[in-house]
Amino acid sequence: MSGYVAELGSCFLCADLGIAPELEPRPDHASYLQSWLSILANDKRAIFQAAAHAQRAVSFLHSLQPEAGLKAAA
């Protein structure tokens, strides 16, 4: 499950930072997605659990950023 948490977390961070996803699919996308589908088929709550863990991780990373620097730059 940790791979799914990391993958979702990276998507969340990219969205927060305005980083566009890659436009070219990876050659192993089909097999990678198949492994996700297997987990989701066996546990309907897996995506929600992974997303919740990922959001907590992203919130933690955001909490490490100095706010004064962000406000001064704006």
Protein backbone atom coordinates (compact mmCIF):
# COMPACT_ATOMS: atom_id res chain seq x y z
CA MET A 1 0.00 0.00 0.00
CA SER A 2 2.93 2.36 0.62
CA GLY A 3 3.58 2.62 -3.11
CA TYR A 4 0.03 3.80 -3.66
CA VAL A 5 0.31 6.34 -0.87
CA ALA A 6 3.53 7.69 -2.38
CA GLU A 7 2.04 7.82 -5.87
CA LEU A 8 -1.08 9.65 -4.72
CA GLY A 9 0.98 11.98 -2.54
CA SER A 10 3.17 12.93 -5.47
CA CYS A 11 0.05 13.67 -7.52
CA PHE A 12 -1.35 15.84 -4.73
CA LEU A 13 1.93 17.75 -4.39
CA CYS A 14 2.23 18.27 -8.13
CA ALA A 15 -1.31 19.65 -8.21
CA ASP A 16 -0.58 21.97 -5.27
CA LEU A 17 2.61 23.24 -6.92
CA GLY A 18 1.17 23.54 -10.42
CA ILE A 19 3.45 20.90 -11.90
CA ALA A 20 1.97 19.34 -15.03
CA PRO A 21 2.02 15.55 -15.32
CA GLU A 22 4.13 13.82 -17.94
CA LEU A 23 2.42 13.70 -21.29
CA GLU A 24 4.14 10.52 -22.45
CA PRO A 25 3.01 7.31 -20.73
CA ARG A 26 5.64 5.08 -19.21
CA PRO A 27 6.18 1.77 -21.00
CA ASP A 28 5.15 -0.17 -17.88
CA HIS A 29 1.93 1.79 -17.22
CA ALA A 30 -0.39 -1.09 -18.10
CA SER A 31 1.22 -3.55 -15.69
CA TYR A 32 1.51 -0.86 -13.00
CA LEU A 33 -2.17 -0.01 -13.27
CA GLN A 34 -3.07 -3.70 -13.28
CA SER A 35 -1.41 -4.09 -9.87
CA TRP A 36 -3.54 -1.21 -8.56
CA LEU A 37 -6.69 -2.79 -9.96
CA SER A 38 -5.90 -6.06 -8.22
CA ILE A 39 -5.61 -4.31 -4.86
CA LEU A 40 -8.77 -2.26 -5.42
CA ALA A 41 -10.73 -5.35 -6.45
CA ASN A 42 -9.81 -7.07 -3.19
CA ASP A 43 -10.32 -4.06 -0.89
CA LYS A 44 -12.88 -1.43 -1.85
CA ARG A 45 -11.57 0.91 0.87
CA ALA A 46 -7.94 0.78 -0.27
CA ILE A 47 -8.11 3.90 -2.43
CA PHE A 48 -9.69 5.91 0.38
CA GLN A 49 -7.15 4.71 2.91
CA ALA A 50 -4.25 5.44 0.57
CA ALA A 51 -5.63 8.89 -0.26
CA ALA A 52 -6.07 9.72 3.44
CA HIS A 53 -2.49 8.66 4.23
CA ALA A 54 -1.20 10.60 1.22
CA GLN A 55 -3.06 13.74 2.26
CA ARG A 56 -1.64 13.52 5.78
CA ALA A 57 1.86 13.16 4.31
CA VAL A 58 1.35 16.14 2.01
CA SER A 59 -0.02 18.23 4.87
CA PHE A 60 3.04 17.34 6.92
CA LEU A 61 5.36 18.40 4.09
CA HIS A 62 3.45 21.67 3.72
CA SER A 63 3.81 22.27 7.45
CA LEU A 64 7.59 22.16 7.09
CA GLN A 65 7.61 25.10 4.69
CA PRO A 66 8.30 28.53 6.20
CA GLU A 67 5.20 30.67 5.77
CA ALA A 68 7.03 34.00 6.06
CA GLY A 69 8.89 33.31 2.82
CA LEU A 70 5.68 32.49 1.00
CA LYS A 71 3.92 35.65 2.16
CA ALA A 72 6.91 37.87 1.28
CA ALA A 73 7.07 36.42 -2.22
CA ALA A 74 3.37 37.13 -2.82
